[in-house]
Protein backbone atom coordinates (compact mmCIF):
# COMPACT_ATOMS: atom_id res chain seq x y z
CA MET A 1 13.07 63.18 -9.94
CA LEU A 2 13.31 66.21 -7.68
CA LYS A 3 15.75 69.17 -7.26
CA LEU A 4 15.74 71.72 -4.83
CA GLU A 5 18.44 74.57 -5.29
CA HIS A 6 18.37 77.15 -2.06
CA LEU A 7 14.59 76.71 -2.30
CA GLN A 8 13.75 80.14 0.34
CA LYS A 9 10.94 80.96 2.40
CA ARG A 10 10.85 83.47 5.29
CA TYR A 11 8.48 83.57 8.20
CA GLY A 12 9.18 86.22 10.72
CA ASN A 13 11.67 84.94 12.90
CA PHE A 14 12.01 81.66 10.66
CA SER A 15 13.72 81.44 7.62
CA LEU A 16 14.22 78.37 5.11
CA ASP A 17 17.13 78.14 2.32
CA CYS A 18 17.03 74.37 1.18
CA SER A 19 18.48 72.39 -1.49
CA LEU A 20 18.49 68.75 -1.64
CA GLU A 21 18.57 66.09 -4.56
CA LEU A 22 16.23 63.06 -5.30
CA PRO A 23 17.33 60.62 -7.95
CA PRO A 24 15.04 58.35 -9.99
CA GLY A 25 14.67 54.56 -7.69
CA CYS A 26 15.62 55.94 -4.28
CA VAL A 27 13.76 56.76 -0.91
CA THR A 28 15.18 60.07 0.53
CA GLY A 29 14.41 61.35 4.03
CA LEU A 30 13.97 64.75 5.52
CA ILE A 31 14.61 64.80 9.60
CA GLY A 32 14.72 67.20 11.68
CA GLN A 33 12.38 68.55 14.94
CA ASN A 34 9.48 69.80 15.17
CA GLY A 35 9.85 73.61 13.67
CA ALA A 36 13.00 72.70 11.30
CA GLY A 37 11.75 73.63 8.34
CA LYS A 38 10.22 70.13 6.77
CA SER A 39 6.75 70.77 6.46
CA THR A 40 7.12 74.63 4.83
CA THR A 41 9.92 72.51 2.59
CA PHE A 42 7.04 70.00 1.16
CA LYS A 43 4.24 72.87 1.14
CA ALA A 44 6.97 74.60 -1.14
CA ILE A 45 7.68 71.69 -3.34
CA LEU A 46 4.11 71.39 -4.11
CA GLY A 47 3.57 75.12 -4.65
CA LEU A 48 1.10 75.47 -2.05
CA ILE A 49 2.91 78.71 -0.44
CA SER A 50 4.75 81.10 -2.62
CA THR A 51 8.50 80.87 -1.86
CA ASP A 52 11.15 83.99 -1.70
CA GLY A 53 13.71 82.78 -3.89
CA GLY A 54 15.46 79.51 -5.31
CA SER A 55 14.32 76.90 -7.72
CA VAL A 56 12.31 73.64 -7.91
CA THR A 57 12.56 71.08 -10.63
CA ILE A 58 9.90 68.30 -10.48
CA LEU A 59 10.19 65.19 -13.06
CA GLY A 60 12.53 67.36 -15.12
CA LYS A 61 10.38 70.31 -15.00
CA ASP A 62 10.75 73.97 -13.38
CA LEU A 63 7.61 74.03 -10.71
CA LYS A 64 6.70 77.28 -12.37
CA ASP A 65 6.00 75.04 -15.62
CA PHE A 66 4.09 72.12 -14.02
CA THR A 67 0.51 71.33 -15.28
CA ALA A 68 -2.60 69.82 -13.96
CA ARG A 69 -1.57 66.58 -15.96
CA ASP A 70 2.30 66.44 -14.62
CA LYS A 71 0.84 66.58 -11.11
CA GLU A 72 -0.91 63.27 -12.04
CA GLU A 73 2.37 61.70 -11.57
CA LEU A 74 2.87 62.56 -8.34
CA GLY A 75 1.12 61.21 -4.65
CA VAL A 76 1.03 63.33 -1.77
CA VAL A 77 0.26 62.96 1.97
CA LEU A 78 0.58 65.72 4.14
CA SER A 79 0.16 65.70 7.69
CA ASP A 80 -2.90 67.82 8.25
CA SER A 81 -4.90 66.89 4.62
CA GLY A 82 -6.95 64.36 3.90
CA PHE A 83 -10.95 63.29 2.88
CA SER A 84 -13.57 65.08 4.70
CA GLY A 85 -14.39 63.03 7.91
CA TYR A 86 -18.12 62.54 6.50
CA LEU A 87 -16.94 60.06 3.39
CA THR A 88 -17.01 56.67 3.68
CA VAL A 89 -14.17 54.78 1.65
CA GLN A 90 -17.18 53.86 -1.07
CA ASP A 91 -17.46 57.80 -1.25
CA VAL A 92 -13.86 58.08 -2.03
CA ILE A 93 -13.76 55.84 -5.02
CA PRO A 94 -15.47 58.30 -7.52
CA VAL A 95 -13.53 61.20 -6.50
CA LEU A 96 -10.38 59.43 -7.28
CA GLN A 97 -11.75 58.01 -10.56
CA ASN A 98 -12.53 61.77 -11.62
CA LEU A 99 -9.09 62.73 -10.43
CA TYR A 100 -6.72 60.47 -11.88
CA PRO A 101 -7.52 59.38 -15.47
CA ARG A 102 -4.84 56.57 -14.26
CA PHE A 103 -6.73 55.56 -10.81
CA ASP A 104 -6.53 52.00 -10.49
CA LYS A 105 -9.24 51.13 -8.79
CA VAL A 106 -9.12 47.00 -8.90
CA PHE A 107 -5.44 47.49 -7.14
CA PHE A 108 -7.21 50.00 -4.43
CA LEU A 109 -10.11 47.86 -3.45
CA ARG A 110 -7.54 44.89 -3.28
CA GLN A 111 -5.49 46.96 -1.06
CA ILE A 112 -8.69 48.05 0.96
CA GLN A 113 -9.34 44.55 1.65
CA ARG A 114 -5.61 43.82 2.75
CA PHE A 115 -5.29 46.31 5.06
CA GLN A 116 -9.15 45.35 6.44
CA LEU A 117 -10.36 48.83 5.53
CA PRO A 118 -14.30 49.33 5.99
CA LEU A 119 -15.90 50.77 2.69
CA ASP A 120 -19.27 52.01 4.48
CA LYS A 121 -17.70 53.40 7.69
CA LYS A 122 -17.52 57.50 7.70
CA ILE A 123 -13.75 57.92 7.43
CA LYS A 124 -14.10 60.26 11.23
CA ASP A 125 -14.76 57.36 12.76
CA PHE A 126 -11.22 55.21 11.32
CA SER A 127 -8.52 54.94 13.87
CA THR A 128 -5.49 56.70 13.52
CA GLY A 129 -3.63 53.91 11.60
CA MET A 130 -6.81 53.69 9.59
CA LYS A 131 -6.64 56.78 7.97
CA ALA A 132 -2.85 56.86 7.60
CA LYS A 133 -3.20 53.84 5.56
CA LEU A 134 -6.37 55.22 3.93
CA LYS A 135 -3.66 58.17 2.50
CA VAL A 136 -1.03 56.41 1.38
CA LEU A 137 -2.97 54.02 -0.69
CA THR A 138 -5.03 57.24 -2.41
CA ALA A 139 -1.36 58.52 -3.13
CA ILE A 140 0.24 54.86 -4.79
CA SER A 141 -3.13 53.62 -6.58
CA HIS A 142 -2.92 56.09 -9.78
CA HIS A 143 0.54 55.04 -10.65
CA ALA A 144 2.30 57.93 -9.23
CA LYS A 145 6.40 58.53 -10.28
CA LEU A 146 7.25 60.29 -6.96
CA LEU A 147 5.62 60.24 -3.57
CA ILE A 148 6.28 63.04 -1.46
CA LEU A 149 4.93 61.83 2.45
CA ASP A 150 5.10 64.37 5.20
CA GLU A 151 4.91 62.24 8.47
CA PRO A 152 3.16 59.54 7.17
CA THR A 153 3.38 57.19 10.00
CA ALA A 154 2.84 60.19 12.64
CA GLY A 155 0.77 58.84 15.69
CA LEU A 156 0.87 54.98 14.14
CA ASP A 157 1.30 52.11 16.74
CA VAL A 158 4.57 49.43 15.41
CA VAL A 159 1.96 47.43 13.53
CA ALA A 160 0.16 50.22 11.65
CA ARG A 161 3.91 51.51 10.58
CA ASP A 162 4.91 48.37 9.48
CA GLU A 163 2.31 47.53 7.58
CA LEU A 164 2.62 51.05 5.95
CA LEU A 165 5.89 50.90 5.32
CA GLU A 166 5.32 47.18 3.35
CA MET A 167 2.79 49.41 1.03
CA LEU A 168 6.05 51.97 0.13
CA ARG A 169 8.46 49.21 0.00
CA GLU A 170 6.29 47.39 -2.74
CA PHE A 171 5.26 51.04 -4.65
CA MET A 172 9.47 50.70 -4.70
CA GLU A 173 9.46 47.46 -6.24
CA GLN A 174 6.74 48.01 -8.92
CA ASP A 175 8.88 50.74 -11.16
CA GLU A 176 12.87 51.09 -10.54
CA GLU A 177 12.07 54.74 -11.65
CA HIS A 178 9.70 55.32 -8.85
CA SER A 179 11.27 57.74 -5.89
CA ILE A 180 9.96 58.68 -2.30
CA LEU A 181 10.63 61.93 -0.67
CA ILE A 182 9.92 60.96 3.04
CA SER A 183 9.50 63.51 6.63
CA SER A 184 9.52 61.11 9.81
CA HIS A 185 10.15 61.88 13.71
CA ILE A 186 10.61 57.83 13.70
CA SER A 187 14.06 57.17 12.96
CA SER A 188 13.63 53.16 12.59
CA ASP A 189 11.35 53.58 9.77
CA LEU A 190 13.85 55.72 8.11
CA GLU A 191 16.91 53.24 8.74
CA THR A 192 15.30 50.63 6.98
CA LEU A 193 13.28 52.14 4.41
CA CYS A 194 15.97 55.15 3.09
CA ASP A 195 18.96 54.91 0.78
CA ASP A 196 19.98 58.61 2.06
CA LEU A 197 18.97 61.04 4.76
CA TYR A 198 19.07 65.07 4.80
CA MET A 199 18.89 66.46 8.17
CA ILE A 200 17.44 69.86 8.19
CA HIS A 201 17.52 72.64 11.48
CA GLU A 202 16.80 75.72 11.66
CA GLY A 203 15.72 75.88 8.10
CA LYS A 204 19.19 74.51 6.85
CA ILE A 205 20.24 71.70 5.71
CA ILE A 206 22.86 70.55 8.01
CA LEU A 207 23.57 66.88 7.15
CA HIS A 208 23.56 64.77 3.61
CA GLU A 209 24.06 61.01 4.13
CA ASP A 210 23.95 57.87 2.86
CA THR A 211 21.87 55.80 5.38
CA ASP A 212 24.14 52.76 5.32
CA VAL A 213 27.18 55.02 5.60
CA LEU A 214 25.62 56.84 8.71
CA LEU A 215 24.61 53.18 10.15
CA SER A 216 28.35 51.83 9.71
CA ASP A 217 30.81 55.08 9.73
CA TYR A 218 29.25 56.94 12.22
CA ALA A 219 29.92 56.82 16.02
CA LEU A 220 29.90 58.09 19.31
CA LEU A 221 33.59 58.66 21.24
CA LYS A 222 32.77 58.94 25.10
CA VAL A 223 36.15 60.27 26.75
CA SER A 224 37.44 61.88 29.34
CA GLN A 225 38.91 65.20 29.89
CA GLU A 226 42.39 63.86 29.54
CA GLN A 227 41.49 61.76 26.78
CA TYR A 228 39.80 64.63 24.82
CA ASP A 229 43.00 66.63 25.06
CA LYS A 230 44.96 64.16 23.62
CA LEU A 231 42.57 62.74 21.03
CA ASP A 232 43.13 63.43 17.43
CA LYS A 233 40.15 66.01 16.23
CA GLN A 234 40.13 66.39 12.65
CA PHE A 235 37.64 63.58 12.03
CA LEU A 236 35.38 64.96 14.95
CA LEU A 237 31.89 66.85 13.12
CA ARG A 238 30.67 67.74 17.24
CA SER A 239 31.68 67.13 20.70
CA ARG A 240 29.72 67.99 23.64
CA LYS A 241 30.69 68.29 27.57
CA GLU A 242 29.46 65.89 29.82
CA SER A 243 30.12 64.43 33.48
CA TYR A 244 32.14 62.32 32.71
CA GLY A 245 34.29 64.27 30.13
CA TYR A 246 33.17 64.63 26.02
CA SER A 247 30.96 62.91 23.61
CA CYS A 248 32.12 63.27 20.41
CA LEU A 249 30.56 62.44 16.97
CA THR A 250 32.68 61.37 14.04
CA ASP A 251 32.02 59.96 10.74
CA GLN A 252 35.28 57.72 11.00
CA ARG A 253 34.24 54.99 13.20
CA GLN A 254 37.10 52.49 11.84
CA TYR A 255 39.66 55.17 12.06
CA TYR A 256 39.44 55.76 15.85
CA MET A 257 38.60 51.91 16.52
CA GLU A 258 42.43 51.29 14.83
CA ASN A 259 44.42 54.26 16.80
CA TYR A 260 42.65 54.56 19.49
CA PRO A 261 41.53 51.24 20.90
CA GLN A 262 41.21 51.84 24.56
CA LEU A 263 38.09 54.24 24.15
CA ALA A 264 34.70 53.69 24.60
CA ILE A 265 33.18 54.00 20.75
CA GLU A 266 29.29 53.45 20.01
CA LYS A 267 27.92 53.19 16.96
CA GLY A 268 26.10 56.31 16.14
CA SER A 269 21.99 55.73 15.75
CA ILE A 270 19.67 57.90 13.53
CA ASP A 271 18.23 59.61 16.75
CA GLU A 272 22.41 60.06 18.41
CA VAL A 273 23.20 61.74 15.25
CA ILE A 274 20.67 64.62 15.45
CA THR A 275 21.15 65.03 18.85
CA MET A 276 25.10 65.74 18.42
CA MET A 277 24.49 67.82 15.60
CA ILE A 278 21.84 70.09 16.56
CA ARG A 279 23.10 70.23 20.60
CA GLY A 280 27.11 69.53 19.74
CA ALA A 281 29.41 72.05 19.71
CA ALA A 282 31.04 71.98 16.03
CA LEU A 283 34.97 71.88 15.91
């Protein structure tokens, strides 16, 4: 569905060099700190900014050959885009009908009613959650094959996030070929939605892992200086000095549980893995 090979973009002291692949039927998450390169990657994928090297293949086509007709297969949500605040949902419908020949007005109106979005209220008067739901509804209401969503849950409360994620799960259930590339700061969203995760830091992919593997096999070892000195370090990814000794990240939790039963071993959450991969020292 989507393949990036050494996609490059340089801005002053920032340099992006990103490779990732999104197969059909999968939800892939792109995670990282603010300024890591997530939005730059999304804009480059969509041809909104020029690039300095590498290739982007979408739905089997090189980005350079992607036509306006091809773009109808994409549903896009960018964090800094949206409809004019002076429009109403009623105003937006004819816009979408003209943009997308396959716009499903019946589905769109049914979802508008489901999520209690007013038809005649100006979008500028919508809450943050209402605006987010409208953006995602717009992306999924024209039978797109691939969704590209940059921080769609940013600023939402728990209920609004859950409703939005439910929309995305239903989109995936509609067709086994549907795929989603999503970025988010909220790790719990990614844990429940994504099949795999790419972690980006300072413009580079530093980790790619299946979500299930990350949640089951990754762990943090909390060890004293003496325990650290005696530890088999071949399966450690990162370590960080702490007041009690060391915190160590591994992707072989079972190995250390079997061979070092006396150690304090904690399952690694996505947030903890991000922190250790960025702030921990490589071994």
